[in-house]
Amino acid sequence: MTVSEYIFDFLQKKGLKTVYMVSGSSAMWLTDALKNNEKLHAVCCHHEQAAAMAAACYGRVGGVPGTCLVTIGPGATNAITGVAGAYVDSYPMFVLSGQANSRILQYQVDTGIRQKGTQSLNLEPLVSSIVKYFVAVMDPKDIRYHMERAYFEAMNGRKGPVWLDVPVDIQNRQVPDELEMEGFIAPEQVCEDFDIAEIVNMIKIAKKPLILAGYGVRSAGASDLLKAFSAKYQIPVVTSRGGIDVIESDHPLFVGRPGSYGDRASHFAIQNCDLLFILGSRLAVSTIGYYPERLAGEAKKIMVDIDTKELDKNDVPVDIKLCYDVKSFLEKLLAAEAKVMMDDRMEWLEFCLDNKKKYPVVQEEYRQEHPINGYYFTELLTEQVPENTNIIVDTGSVCNIVSQTWKIKKGQNYMISGGLSSMGFWAASIGVAAMSDKVIALAGDGSAHMNIQELATLKYNDLPIKLFVYNNHGYLLIRHNQHNYMNDRFLGVGPDSGLEMPDFCAVACAYGIKAVRISNREEIADKVYEVLTYDGPVVCEVMVQEFGIIAPRIASRVMPDGTLKAAEFDDLWPFLDKE
C-alpha cells in the first residue's frame, strides 16, 4: 500500500464518503489513489477555495472530517480562505496537498530560500496559524502517526482543520506493515471539576435566568440536552449566529438572537437577566456589541467552553469559567436533583416572550414595499422550506437579513461563514449536498459572484442545491456604510461606482441550470414553490431593494474627531422612545 492509498483508506474507514478536490500534477499519486478507492466519491470543484469550503461544511454536518485535495503552490494557497473559515468556526476537516519533491522542500525549509522548485512553497509558515495540526510528510513510515494525530486533533477539543502536505515522491512510496509503524497515543483528556451544587443553587435563587447558546452546543452534539436543560429549569434561550440551529424558533422558551444585527427581545433579555449561562459561545464582538464590560451587567455569569483561550479573555466579567465539554456539563445538570418553582419564573418568561411578540423583525410595512424587501422575502421563503433542510447563508447584508428573520424548524442545519465572514461561502453547500437532497443556499449578488464558477460543479454532479440570489445591484452593506459615514462617496458598491454584476439567470442558463427570477411580491409564493419542488439545481434571482434598510442593529455615530461611538447594547436602531 502506498502512502496515498493509506491516507484515503484511513479516512474511508473513519466514515468519509466524499472528497472535494481540484486536480494538479503535484498531487498526481494522491489523485490516483482517490480514483482507485471504490468506497470514496470525488467531487471535482473549479476552485480550491470552494473545495475547502465544501469540505468544511461536510465536516460540520457529517460527523467525520471533511476532506479536500489540492495541488502544490497556488492550489494550496487558494484553499487558505476556506481553511481559515473552518478554523475560526471550529469545523473539522483534512486538507491534503501535493508538494514538490521532498529534497526540494527540505532545501527550502533548511535555507529559507524563497523558492527552489516551480510552484513549490514552504506551506508551514503560511498555514500553521489556521490549522490545529500541520505536517509535511517526509518519510512513509511516519504516515500512520500523522493520520492518527491529525484525526484526533480535528475531532477532539475545539474541532478544526488539519493539513498534510505530501511531496510527490513520497506519495507513491510503499508504507511498512501497520504494526511496524508508530501510532499516536491520544493524551488523557481531563475536564476541571466544578461544584454542581453551587450552580444548581444559583439556578434556584435566580429570578431571571437566561441561556446564551453558541455553536459549541451544536459541535458537542448537545442541542437536545440544551432544550431539556432549558425546560427542566424553565430558562429562556437566546442564540449566537453560530448557534442559530440549536433550538427551533417556535420552541416555547426561545427568545431571539443577539448581535450587531440582532433583535430587541434578545437584547432586552440579556441586559435584564440576573443569571447568564454562556454555553459554547466565544462572545464575539458581533454577538455582544461594543461595551462588553456592561453585558448583562446585573447578572452572575457562568461560561462553559472547551477552549481555554476563549475563557482567558477578560472582555466580559464572568463569575465562573469552566473549561468543560458542553454536553457533559448539561448531562450533569440534568442529572442533578433540583426543582424550580414555576411561579418564580412566570413574570420573567412573560417579559421575554412578550418582547418577542412586541418587537418582530419583519415590520408590517415591509410587506407592501417595492422593489421586494429582503426581510419580507425571507419570511415567505422560510415558511416553505421544510424540516431537515440544510441552509447555507453567505455573508454581507443577506447574512444579517436572513439570520434575523429565519425560522428554524426541526432538523434544519443553519450554516454561515461566522468568524471569517467570507464572500462566496454559498459554495460550501456543495459539501452538504453529498449527504442530503434538501439544500438551499442564500447569497447576495456580490457573494454569489465570488464563486460563480461552481455552478459548473452543481450542473455536472446534478446537485439538488437551490441557490437564491438576493440581487441588490452590488454590495448593500458597504453601500450603507459609505452612505452613513462617507457622505455618499460611493466606490466599488454598484454599477454607479465601479462594480458591475451579471444577469444571474442568463449565467445559470449558460451553465445549463434552471433559472427563475422573482421581480415582484405577488409572485414570491408560487415561484419559491416552483424552485423548491424542482428536481435538480436551480438559481433563483430575487430582485430586492438596492438600498433596503437592515434593522434592528447597533448603530454608531461619527464623533467630531472622526471616531465612531456605538449605541448601548439594548438601544438598537431604529431607536425607541426612552421610556
Protein backbone atom coordinates (compact mmCIF):
# COMPACT_ATOMS: atom_id res chain seq x y z
CA MET A 1 0.00 0.00 0.00
CA THR A 2 1.33 3.40 -0.94
CA VAL A 3 1.29 6.49 1.26
CA SER A 4 -1.54 7.95 -0.85
CA GLU A 5 -3.57 4.75 -0.65
CA TYR A 6 -3.01 4.59 3.10
CA ILE A 7 -4.31 8.14 3.57
CA PHE A 8 -7.60 7.53 1.79
CA ASP A 9 -8.03 4.06 3.25
CA PHE A 10 -7.67 5.57 6.74
CA LEU A 11 -10.23 8.29 6.08
CA GLN A 12 -12.69 5.94 4.44
CA LYS A 13 -12.57 3.61 7.45
CA LYS A 14 -13.39 6.60 9.68
CA GLY A 15 -16.62 7.10 7.73
CA LEU A 16 -15.63 9.55 4.99
CA LYS A 17 -17.53 9.05 1.74
CA THR A 18 -16.81 12.14 -0.37
CA VAL A 19 -13.66 14.13 -1.14
CA TYR A 20 -13.65 17.64 -2.68
CA MET A 21 -10.78 18.39 -5.00
CA VAL A 22 -9.10 20.31 -7.78
CA SER A 23 -6.60 18.14 -9.63
CA GLY A 24 -2.96 19.04 -10.21
CA SER A 25 0.24 17.38 -11.33
CA SER A 26 1.99 17.53 -7.96
CA ALA A 27 -0.93 15.68 -6.35
CA MET A 28 -0.92 13.02 -9.09
CA TRP A 29 -0.50 9.94 -6.88
CA LEU A 30 -2.95 11.22 -4.28
CA THR A 31 -5.47 11.77 -7.07
CA ASP A 32 -4.88 8.28 -8.47
CA ALA A 33 -5.29 6.69 -5.03
CA LEU A 34 -8.59 8.51 -4.61
CA LYS A 35 -9.71 7.31 -8.03
CA ASN A 36 -8.84 3.71 -7.14
CA ASN A 37 -10.65 3.74 -3.78
CA GLU A 38 -14.04 2.33 -4.73
CA LYS A 39 -15.61 3.40 -1.44
CA LEU A 40 -14.88 7.11 -1.92
CA HIS A 41 -16.51 9.56 -4.30
CA ALA A 42 -14.67 12.60 -5.66
CA VAL A 43 -16.42 15.89 -6.38
CA CYS A 44 -14.26 17.98 -8.71
CA CYS A 45 -14.66 21.66 -7.92
CA HIS A 46 -13.43 24.53 -10.09
CA HIS A 47 -11.58 26.49 -7.40
CA GLU A 48 -9.73 25.30 -4.33
CA GLN A 49 -11.46 27.86 -2.11
CA ALA A 50 -14.80 26.26 -2.93
CA ALA A 51 -13.39 22.76 -2.40
CA ALA A 52 -12.16 23.76 1.07
CA MET A 53 -15.47 25.41 1.97
CA ALA A 54 -17.36 22.33 0.80
CA ALA A 55 -15.13 20.03 2.85
CA ALA A 56 -15.57 22.22 5.93
CA CYS A 57 -19.36 22.04 5.81
CA TYR A 58 -19.21 18.31 5.10
CA GLY A 59 -17.30 18.03 8.37
CA ARG A 60 -19.77 20.30 10.15
CA VAL A 61 -22.75 18.11 9.19
CA GLY A 62 -21.27 14.67 8.57
CA GLY A 63 -19.72 13.74 11.91
CA VAL A 64 -16.38 12.94 10.23
CA PRO A 65 -13.78 15.44 9.00
CA GLY A 66 -14.49 16.68 5.50
CA THR A 67 -11.57 16.30 3.14
CA CYS A 68 -10.23 18.49 0.37
CA LEU A 69 -7.43 17.55 -2.02
CA VAL A 70 -5.38 20.28 -3.71
CA THR A 71 -2.11 20.57 -5.53
CA ILE A 72 1.11 22.49 -4.98
CA GLY A 73 1.60 26.26 -4.71
CA PRO A 74 -1.44 28.24 -5.89
CA GLY A 75 -3.66 25.22 -5.41
CA ALA A 76 -2.75 25.20 -1.74
CA THR A 77 -2.84 28.97 -1.28
CA ASN A 78 -6.26 29.15 -2.95
CA ALA A 79 -7.59 26.81 -0.27
CA ILE A 80 -6.44 29.01 2.60
CA THR A 81 -9.61 31.11 2.86
CA GLY A 82 -11.79 28.03 3.26
CA VAL A 83 -9.40 26.54 5.78
CA ALA A 84 -9.22 29.74 7.83
CA GLY A 85 -13.01 29.80 7.94
CA ALA A 86 -13.10 26.24 9.22
CA TYR A 87 -10.52 27.12 11.86
CA VAL A 88 -12.33 30.09 13.38
CA ASP A 89 -15.73 28.36 13.12
CA SER A 90 -14.49 25.02 14.54
CA TYR A 91 -15.34 22.76 11.57
CA PRO A 92 -13.31 19.51 11.38
CA MET A 93 -11.57 18.88 8.07
CA PHE A 94 -8.49 17.37 6.42
CA VAL A 95 -6.52 19.26 3.79
CA LEU A 96 -4.27 17.12 1.61
CA SER A 97 -1.86 18.99 -0.64
CA GLY A 98 0.61 17.76 -3.19
CA GLN A 99 4.07 19.22 -2.92
CA ALA A 100 7.39 19.32 -4.76
CA ASN A 101 9.96 16.56 -4.38
CA SER A 102 10.90 16.10 -0.72
CA ARG A 103 14.53 17.08 -1.38
CA ILE A 104 13.41 20.38 -2.88
CA LEU A 105 11.05 21.05 0.00
CA GLN A 106 13.71 20.20 2.56
CA TYR A 107 16.17 22.57 0.89
CA GLN A 108 13.61 25.36 1.03
CA VAL A 109 12.93 24.69 4.72
CA ASP A 110 16.63 24.47 5.64
CA THR A 111 17.83 27.52 3.74
CA GLY A 112 14.82 29.81 3.83
CA ILE A 113 15.16 30.41 0.11
CA ARG A 114 12.02 31.89 -1.40
CA GLN A 115 11.59 29.08 -3.90
CA LYS A 116 13.58 26.25 -5.43
CA GLY A 117 11.08 24.11 -7.31
CA THR A 118 8.48 25.51 -9.70
CA GLN A 119 5.23 26.34 -7.85
CA SER A 120 6.73 24.99 -4.63
CA LEU A 121 6.20 26.89 -1.39
CA ASN A 122 7.04 26.03 2.18
CA LEU A 123 3.45 25.95 3.44
CA GLU A 124 4.02 25.59 7.16
CA PRO A 125 4.66 29.29 7.88
CA LEU A 126 1.64 30.19 5.75
CA VAL A 127 -0.95 27.86 7.26
CA SER A 128 0.23 26.73 10.69
CA SER A 129 -1.70 29.51 12.42
CA ILE A 130 -5.03 28.42 10.87
CA VAL A 131 -4.87 24.67 11.46
CA LYS A 132 -4.71 22.51 14.57
CA TYR A 133 -2.01 20.29 13.07
CA PHE A 134 0.28 20.73 10.07
CA VAL A 135 2.89 18.31 8.83
CA ALA A 136 4.94 17.81 5.70
CA VAL A 137 5.12 14.04 5.30
CA MET A 138 8.79 13.34 4.61
CA ASP A 139 9.01 9.62 5.46
CA PRO A 140 6.47 6.88 4.58
CA LYS A 141 6.94 5.12 7.91
CA ASP A 142 5.51 8.15 9.73
CA ILE A 143 2.18 8.21 7.92
CA ARG A 144 0.25 6.17 10.49
CA TYR A 145 1.28 8.54 13.29
CA HIS A 146 0.45 11.63 11.24
CA MET A 147 -3.01 10.37 10.22
CA GLU A 148 -3.94 9.26 13.74
CA ARG A 149 -2.64 12.50 15.26
CA ALA A 150 -4.36 14.64 12.65
CA TYR A 151 -7.69 12.87 13.10
CA PHE A 152 -7.50 13.28 16.87
CA GLU A 153 -6.76 16.98 16.56
CA ALA A 154 -9.56 17.55 14.06
CA MET A 155 -12.22 15.84 16.15
CA ASN A 156 -11.26 16.44 19.78
CA GLY A 157 -11.44 19.50 21.98
CA ARG A 158 -12.37 22.51 19.88
CA LYS A 159 -12.66 20.93 16.46
CA GLY A 160 -10.93 22.34 13.41
CA PRO A 161 -8.89 21.72 10.26
CA VAL A 162 -5.63 19.78 9.91
CA TRP A 163 -3.24 19.81 6.94
CA LEU A 164 -0.96 17.14 5.45
CA ASP A 165 1.48 18.34 2.78
CA VAL A 166 2.75 15.32 0.83
CA PRO A 167 5.74 15.64 -1.56
CA VAL A 168 5.16 13.99 -4.91
CA ASP A 169 8.00 11.48 -4.46
CA ILE A 170 6.57 10.39 -1.07
CA GLN A 171 3.01 9.94 -2.35
CA ASN A 172 3.77 6.71 -4.25
CA ARG A 173 6.20 5.17 -1.76
CA GLN A 174 5.21 1.93 -0.08
CA VAL A 175 4.38 2.05 3.63
CA PRO A 176 5.64 -0.55 6.10
CA ASP A 177 3.28 -3.03 7.69
CA GLU A 178 0.78 -1.31 10.01
CA LEU A 179 2.30 -2.88 13.11
CA GLU A 180 5.78 -1.70 12.14
CA MET A 181 4.71 1.93 12.15
CA GLU A 182 4.50 4.07 15.23
CA GLY A 183 0.94 5.01 16.22
CA PHE A 184 -0.34 8.09 18.01
CA ILE A 185 -1.30 7.78 21.64
CA ALA A 186 -4.04 10.24 22.47
CA PRO A 187 -3.41 12.26 25.63
CA GLU A 188 -5.75 11.78 28.54
CA GLN A 189 -8.42 14.45 28.47
CA VAL A 190 -9.33 15.74 31.89
CA CYS A 191 -12.07 18.28 32.49
CA GLU A 192 -11.72 20.50 35.50
CA ASP A 193 -14.10 19.65 38.31
CA PHE A 194 -16.80 22.04 39.39
CA ASP A 195 -19.23 22.42 42.26
CA ILE A 196 -22.50 21.34 40.73
CA ALA A 197 -24.38 22.13 43.94
CA GLU A 198 -23.25 25.75 43.74
CA ILE A 199 -24.52 26.10 40.17
CA VAL A 200 -27.83 24.39 40.95
CA ASN A 201 -28.28 26.76 43.87
CA MET A 202 -27.60 29.74 41.60
CA ILE A 203 -30.35 28.49 39.31
CA LYS A 204 -32.76 28.07 42.21
CA ILE A 205 -32.33 31.59 43.57
CA ALA A 206 -32.26 33.31 40.19
CA LYS A 207 -35.42 35.19 39.27
CA LYS A 208 -34.38 35.99 35.71
CA PRO A 209 -32.01 33.31 34.34
CA LEU A 210 -31.03 33.15 30.66
CA ILE A 211 -29.02 30.88 28.37
CA LEU A 212 -26.81 32.24 25.57
CA ALA A 213 -26.07 29.22 23.35
CA GLY A 214 -23.38 29.19 20.67
CA TYR A 215 -22.07 26.80 18.03
CA GLY A 216 -20.22 24.88 20.73
CA VAL A 217 -23.56 23.35 21.71
CA ARG A 218 -24.04 22.00 18.18
CA SER A 219 -20.41 20.91 17.88
CA ALA A 220 -20.70 18.93 21.12
CA GLY A 221 -23.88 17.22 19.91
CA ALA A 222 -25.79 18.79 22.79
CA SER A 223 -28.75 20.52 21.15
CA ASP A 224 -31.33 18.13 22.63
CA LEU A 225 -29.67 18.39 26.03
CA LEU A 226 -29.83 22.18 25.81
CA LYS A 227 -33.57 22.07 25.24
CA ALA A 228 -34.03 19.55 28.05
CA PHE A 229 -31.99 21.74 30.42
CA SER A 230 -33.95 24.82 29.42
CA ALA A 231 -37.25 23.02 30.01
CA LYS A 232 -36.26 21.46 33.32
CA TYR A 233 -35.26 24.75 34.88
CA GLN A 234 -37.58 26.97 32.79
CA ILE A 235 -34.76 29.10 31.45
CA PRO A 236 -35.30 31.03 28.19
CA VAL A 237 -32.72 30.75 25.41
CA VAL A 238 -31.03 33.21 23.06
CA THR A 239 -28.53 32.07 20.44
CA SER A 240 -25.45 33.48 18.73
CA ARG A 241 -25.19 33.40 14.93
CA GLY A 242 -23.19 30.19 15.10
CA GLY A 243 -25.77 28.60 17.37
CA ILE A 244 -28.89 29.56 15.45
CA ASP A 245 -29.90 25.96 14.75
CA VAL A 246 -29.51 24.57 18.29
CA ILE A 247 -33.18 25.32 19.05
CA GLU A 248 -36.30 25.63 16.91
CA SER A 249 -37.74 29.13 16.50
CA ASP A 250 -41.19 28.00 17.69
CA HIS A 251 -39.79 26.48 20.89
CA PRO A 252 -41.73 27.96 23.83
CA LEU A 253 -38.52 29.09 25.55
CA PHE A 254 -36.70 30.55 22.53
CA VAL A 255 -36.43 34.35 22.71
CA GLY A 256 -34.15 35.58 19.93
CA ARG A 257 -30.68 36.19 18.51
CA PRO A 258 -28.50 39.00 19.83
CA GLY A 259 -25.78 40.81 17.94
CA SER A 260 -24.76 43.86 15.98
CA TYR A 261 -27.69 42.92 13.76
CA GLY A 262 -29.86 41.21 16.34
CA ASP A 263 -33.36 41.65 17.72
CA ARG A 264 -34.75 43.69 20.57
CA ALA A 265 -36.18 40.79 22.57
CA SER A 266 -32.83 39.03 22.98
CA HIS A 267 -31.01 42.26 23.85
CA PHE A 268 -33.60 43.19 26.47
CA ALA A 269 -33.37 39.67 27.92
CA ILE A 270 -29.58 39.78 28.21
CA GLN A 271 -29.48 43.21 29.80
CA ASN A 272 -32.22 42.35 32.31
CA CYS A 273 -31.25 38.82 33.36
CA ASP A 274 -29.75 38.06 36.77
CA LEU A 275 -28.04 34.77 35.80
CA LEU A 276 -26.49 34.17 32.38
CA PHE A 277 -25.27 30.79 31.15
CA ILE A 278 -22.82 31.24 28.26
CA LEU A 279 -22.64 27.82 26.62
CA GLY A 280 -20.24 27.21 23.73
CA SER A 281 -20.13 30.85 22.63
CA ARG A 282 -16.87 32.75 22.30
CA LEU A 283 -18.65 36.07 22.91
CA ALA A 284 -17.60 37.64 19.63
CA VAL A 285 -17.99 41.39 19.28
CA SER A 286 -20.62 40.72 16.62
CA THR A 287 -22.64 38.94 19.31
CA ILE A 288 -22.15 41.10 22.39
CA GLY A 289 -21.68 44.60 21.00
CA TYR A 290 -19.08 47.23 21.79
CA TYR A 291 -19.31 47.56 25.57
CA PRO A 292 -18.53 44.02 26.78
CA GLU A 293 -17.93 45.14 30.35
CA ARG A 294 -21.61 46.14 30.52
CA LEU A 295 -23.02 42.95 29.01
CA ALA A 296 -25.64 41.54 31.39
CA GLY A 297 -24.28 43.97 33.94
CA GLU A 298 -26.57 42.89 36.78
CA ALA A 299 -26.15 39.14 36.22
CA LYS A 300 -23.96 36.41 37.59
CA LYS A 301 -22.32 34.75 34.61
CA ILE A 302 -21.27 31.13 34.07
CA MET A 303 -19.25 30.43 30.92
CA VAL A 304 -18.63 26.88 29.68
CA ASP A 305 -16.21 26.40 26.78
CA ILE A 306 -13.81 23.69 25.65
CA ASP A 307 -11.19 26.26 24.58
CA THR A 308 -9.18 27.73 27.46
CA LYS A 309 -8.07 30.66 25.29
CA GLU A 310 -11.68 31.79 24.98
CA LEU A 311 -12.11 31.53 28.74
CA ASP A 312 -8.94 33.55 29.31
CA LYS A 313 -10.43 36.62 27.64
CA ASN A 314 -11.45 39.28 30.14
CA ASP A 315 -13.67 41.45 27.94
CA VAL A 316 -16.83 40.30 29.71
CA PRO A 317 -16.62 39.91 33.51
CA VAL A 318 -17.52 36.24 34.16
CA ASP A 319 -18.03 34.84 37.65
CA ILE A 320 -17.49 31.13 36.90
CA LYS A 321 -15.39 29.91 33.96
CA LEU A 322 -15.37 26.20 33.19
CA CYS A 323 -13.17 24.50 30.63
CA TYR A 324 -15.63 21.71 30.08
CA ASP A 325 -17.40 19.83 27.33
CA VAL A 326 -20.84 21.44 26.99
CA LYS A 327 -22.52 18.07 26.53
CA SER A 328 -21.02 16.67 29.74
CA PHE A 329 -21.87 19.86 31.62
CA LEU A 330 -25.52 19.69 30.60
CA GLU A 331 -25.70 15.99 31.41
CA LYS A 332 -24.51 16.69 34.94
CA LEU A 333 -27.02 19.47 35.50
CA LEU A 334 -29.86 17.39 34.09
CA ALA A 335 -28.96 14.55 36.42
CA ALA A 336 -28.96 16.85 39.46
CA GLU A 337 -31.97 16.63 41.74
CA ALA A 338 -33.41 20.10 41.76
CA LYS A 339 -36.82 21.67 41.41
CA VAL A 340 -37.65 25.18 40.33
CA MET A 341 -40.91 26.80 41.36
CA MET A 342 -42.73 27.73 38.19
CA ASP A 343 -44.25 30.82 39.79
CA ASP A 344 -40.74 32.21 40.30
CA ARG A 345 -40.16 32.20 36.54
CA MET A 346 -43.53 33.27 35.12
CA GLU A 347 -43.02 37.03 35.22
CA TRP A 348 -39.59 36.70 33.63
CA LEU A 349 -40.77 34.34 30.92
CA GLU A 350 -43.69 36.61 30.12
CA PHE A 351 -41.33 39.59 29.87
CA CYS A 352 -39.06 37.77 27.41
CA LEU A 353 -41.79 36.28 25.25
CA ASP A 354 -43.92 39.42 25.25
CA ASN A 355 -40.95 41.35 23.87
CA LYS A 356 -40.54 38.70 21.18
CA LYS A 357 -44.13 39.33 20.07
CA LYS A 358 -43.99 43.10 20.59
CA TYR A 359 -40.84 43.68 18.51
CA PRO A 360 -40.89 41.44 15.41
CA VAL A 361 -38.02 41.87 12.97
CA VAL A 362 -40.26 41.86 9.92
CA GLN A 363 -42.34 45.01 10.07
CA GLU A 364 -45.82 45.27 8.56
CA GLU A 365 -44.79 47.94 6.05
CA TYR A 366 -42.13 45.60 4.59
CA ARG A 367 -44.91 43.51 3.06
CA GLN A 368 -46.07 46.35 0.80
CA GLU A 369 -42.72 47.67 -0.41
CA HIS A 370 -41.46 47.59 -3.98
CA PRO A 371 -38.89 46.50 -5.04
CA ILE A 372 -39.13 43.46 -2.80
CA ASN A 373 -38.00 43.90 0.80
CA GLY A 374 -35.36 41.28 1.67
CA TYR A 375 -36.83 40.65 5.12
CA TYR A 376 -40.29 40.05 3.68
CA PHE A 377 -38.95 37.68 1.01
CA THR A 378 -37.02 35.73 3.64
CA GLU A 379 -40.13 35.43 5.80
CA LEU A 380 -42.10 33.90 2.91
CA LEU A 381 -39.19 31.65 1.93
CA THR A 382 -38.71 30.25 5.41
CA GLU A 383 -42.40 29.33 5.56
CA GLN A 384 -42.00 26.98 2.60
CA VAL A 385 -38.61 25.44 3.39
CA PRO A 386 -39.32 22.06 5.04
CA GLU A 387 -37.88 20.42 8.12
CA ASN A 388 -34.47 18.71 7.89
CA THR A 389 -33.22 21.16 5.27
CA ASN A 390 -29.64 22.41 5.20
CA ILE A 391 -29.44 26.19 4.89
CA ILE A 392 -26.13 27.77 3.86
CA VAL A 393 -26.07 31.56 4.11
CA ASP A 394 -23.38 33.70 2.54
CA THR A 395 -22.01 36.79 4.23
CA GLY A 396 -22.87 40.50 3.98
CA SER A 397 -26.31 42.07 4.17
CA VAL A 398 -28.02 38.79 3.27
CA CYS A 399 -26.47 37.06 6.27
CA ASN A 400 -27.82 39.77 8.55
CA ILE A 401 -31.28 39.84 6.99
CA VAL A 402 -31.67 36.07 6.85
CA SER A 403 -30.18 35.42 10.30
CA GLN A 404 -32.55 37.95 11.86
CA THR A 405 -35.59 36.56 10.06
CA TRP A 406 -35.16 32.80 9.57
CA LYS A 407 -37.49 30.47 11.47
CA ILE A 408 -35.58 27.32 12.35
CA LYS A 409 -37.65 24.15 12.01
CA LYS A 410 -36.98 20.66 13.34
CA GLY A 411 -33.85 19.09 11.91
CA GLN A 412 -32.67 22.15 9.99
CA ASN A 413 -28.95 22.88 9.85
CA TYR A 414 -28.07 26.56 9.51
CA MET A 415 -24.53 27.40 8.39
CA ILE A 416 -22.73 30.69 7.90
CA SER A 417 -19.14 31.82 7.49
CA GLY A 418 -19.13 33.19 11.01
CA GLY A 419 -15.76 34.36 12.22
CA LEU A 420 -14.14 34.96 8.83
CA SER A 421 -17.31 36.07 7.05
CA SER A 422 -16.13 35.01 3.57
CA MET A 423 -17.92 36.09 0.43
CA GLY A 424 -18.55 33.13 -1.82
CA PHE A 425 -19.43 30.86 1.10
CA TRP A 426 -22.57 29.69 -0.72
CA ALA A 427 -20.29 27.19 -2.47
CA ALA A 428 -19.99 25.32 0.84
CA SER A 429 -23.45 23.95 0.01
CA ILE A 430 -21.65 21.56 -2.36
CA GLY A 431 -20.25 19.78 0.68
CA VAL A 432 -23.66 19.29 2.27
CA ALA A 433 -25.36 18.06 -0.91
CA ALA A 434 -23.40 14.81 -0.60
CA MET A 435 -25.46 13.95 2.48
CA SER A 436 -28.86 15.49 1.78
CA ASP A 437 -31.20 16.31 -1.08
CA LYS A 438 -32.61 19.24 0.88
CA VAL A 439 -30.05 22.00 0.46
CA ILE A 440 -30.60 25.71 -0.13
CA ALA A 441 -28.02 28.46 -0.35
CA LEU A 442 -28.72 32.17 0.06
CA ALA A 443 -26.35 34.87 -1.15
CA GLY A 444 -26.26 38.47 -2.25
CA ASP A 445 -25.36 39.11 -5.85
CA GLY A 446 -21.84 40.15 -4.81
CA SER A 447 -21.23 36.99 -2.81
CA ALA A 448 -22.82 34.73 -5.42
CA HIS A 449 -20.42 36.13 -8.00
CA MET A 450 -17.37 35.26 -5.89
CA ASN A 451 -17.62 31.52 -6.57
CA ILE A 452 -19.83 31.64 -9.65
CA GLN A 453 -17.64 29.04 -11.39
CA GLU A 454 -19.07 26.41 -9.05
CA LEU A 455 -22.34 26.46 -10.96
CA ALA A 456 -20.48 24.06 -13.24
CA THR A 457 -19.99 21.73 -10.26
CA LEU A 458 -23.71 21.89 -9.47
CA LYS A 459 -24.59 21.07 -13.07
CA TYR A 460 -22.10 18.26 -13.64
CA ASN A 461 -22.98 16.49 -10.40
CA ASP A 462 -26.71 17.33 -10.65
CA LEU A 463 -26.59 18.59 -7.06
CA PRO A 464 -30.04 19.40 -5.64
CA ILE A 465 -28.95 22.86 -4.48
CA LYS A 466 -31.35 25.77 -4.73
CA LEU A 467 -29.32 29.00 -4.85
CA PHE A 468 -31.32 32.11 -4.01
CA VAL A 469 -29.50 35.25 -5.15
CA TYR A 470 -30.70 38.46 -3.46
CA ASN A 471 -29.90 40.91 -6.25
CA ASN A 472 -29.48 44.40 -4.77
CA HIS A 473 -27.13 45.58 -7.54
CA GLY A 474 -23.88 45.36 -5.63
CA TYR A 475 -22.73 45.41 -2.04
CA LEU A 476 -25.65 46.61 0.10
CA LEU A 477 -23.83 46.53 3.45
CA ILE A 478 -20.90 48.59 2.18
CA ARG A 479 -23.29 50.91 0.36
CA HIS A 480 -24.93 51.63 3.72
CA ASN A 481 -21.56 52.25 5.34
CA GLN A 482 -20.49 54.72 2.65
CA HIS A 483 -23.86 56.47 2.90
CA ASN A 484 -23.83 56.70 6.71
CA TYR A 485 -20.16 57.56 7.30
CA MET A 486 -18.66 58.77 3.99
CA ASN A 487 -21.29 61.33 2.95
CA ASP A 488 -22.34 59.24 -0.06
CA ARG A 489 -18.83 58.97 -1.50
CA PHE A 490 -19.54 55.63 -3.15
CA LEU A 491 -16.81 53.41 -4.54
CA GLY A 492 -16.96 49.75 -5.50
CA VAL A 493 -20.52 49.12 -4.33
CA GLY A 494 -22.57 49.08 -7.55
CA PRO A 495 -22.83 49.97 -11.23
CA ASP A 496 -22.60 53.68 -10.44
CA SER A 497 -19.32 53.28 -8.56
CA GLY A 498 -17.19 50.82 -10.49
CA LEU A 499 -18.84 47.45 -9.77
CA GLU A 500 -20.96 45.58 -12.30
CA MET A 501 -22.97 42.40 -11.65
CA PRO A 502 -24.21 39.93 -14.27
CA ASP A 503 -27.69 38.74 -15.14
CA PHE A 504 -27.67 35.67 -12.91
CA CYS A 505 -30.49 33.96 -14.78
CA ALA A 506 -28.53 34.30 -18.01
CA VAL A 507 -25.41 32.94 -16.29
CA ALA A 508 -27.37 29.98 -14.91
CA CYS A 509 -28.70 29.20 -18.37
CA ALA A 510 -25.17 29.35 -19.77
CA TYR A 511 -24.23 26.62 -17.32
CA GLY A 512 -27.36 24.62 -18.24
CA ILE A 513 -29.07 25.21 -14.88
CA LYS A 514 -32.74 26.06 -14.42
CA ALA A 515 -33.21 29.75 -13.68
CA VAL A 516 -36.11 31.56 -12.02
CA ARG A 517 -36.44 35.30 -11.47
CA ILE A 518 -38.71 36.87 -8.83
CA SER A 519 -39.39 40.54 -9.54
CA ASN A 520 -42.49 41.39 -7.51
CA ARG A 521 -44.02 40.32 -4.23
CA GLU A 522 -47.18 38.85 -5.78
CA GLU A 523 -45.21 36.04 -7.42
CA ILE A 524 -42.99 35.12 -4.45
CA ALA A 525 -45.01 32.22 -3.05
CA ASP A 526 -45.61 30.46 -6.37
CA LYS A 527 -42.10 30.82 -7.66
CA VAL A 528 -40.50 29.75 -4.38
CA TYR A 529 -42.65 26.63 -4.55
CA GLU A 530 -41.52 26.06 -8.14
CA VAL A 531 -37.88 26.32 -7.11
CA LEU A 532 -38.11 24.12 -4.02
CA THR A 533 -40.01 21.33 -5.78
CA TYR A 534 -37.77 21.17 -8.85
CA ASP A 535 -35.70 18.01 -9.16
CA GLY A 536 -32.22 19.41 -9.64
CA PRO A 537 -30.15 22.56 -9.15
CA VAL A 538 -31.84 25.94 -9.53
CA VAL A 539 -30.62 29.54 -9.48
CA CYS A 540 -33.39 31.85 -8.27
CA GLU A 541 -32.62 35.55 -8.70
CA VAL A 542 -34.69 37.75 -6.39
CA MET A 543 -34.79 41.43 -7.28
CA VAL A 544 -34.67 43.16 -3.91
CA GLN A 545 -34.24 46.76 -2.80
CA GLU A 546 -30.97 48.41 -3.75
CA PHE A 547 -30.94 50.49 -0.57
CA GLY A 548 -33.16 48.50 1.79
CA ILE A 549 -32.64 49.12 5.48
CA ILE A 550 -31.01 46.48 7.68
CA ALA A 551 -32.52 46.62 11.14
CA PRO A 552 -32.62 46.33 14.07
CA ARG A 553 -28.92 46.99 14.55
CA ILE A 554 -26.40 48.58 16.87
CA ALA A 555 -25.83 51.94 15.21
CA SER A 556 -22.77 54.16 15.52
CA ARG A 557 -22.42 57.90 15.30
CA VAL A 558 -19.44 59.81 13.87
CA MET A 559 -17.86 61.97 16.57
CA PRO A 560 -16.25 65.39 15.87
CA ASP A 561 -12.79 63.80 15.98
CA GLY A 562 -13.78 61.23 13.33
CA THR A 563 -14.15 58.27 15.69
CA LEU A 564 -17.29 56.13 15.83
CA LYS A 565 -19.31 55.82 19.01
CA ALA A 566 -21.70 52.85 19.16
CA ALA A 567 -25.04 52.89 20.92
CA GLU A 568 -25.63 50.77 24.01
CA PHE A 569 -26.31 47.06 23.55
CA ASP A 570 -30.04 47.30 24.26
CA ASP A 571 -30.57 50.57 22.37
CA LEU A 572 -30.97 49.26 18.84
CA TRP A 573 -31.67 51.39 15.81
CA PRO A 574 -34.32 52.49 14.88
CA PHE A 575 -34.16 53.98 18.37
CA LEU A 576 -37.18 53.55 20.63
CA ASP A 577 -38.61 56.16 22.95
CA LYS A 578 -36.52 56.17 26.13
CA GLU A 579 -39.48 55.07 28.22
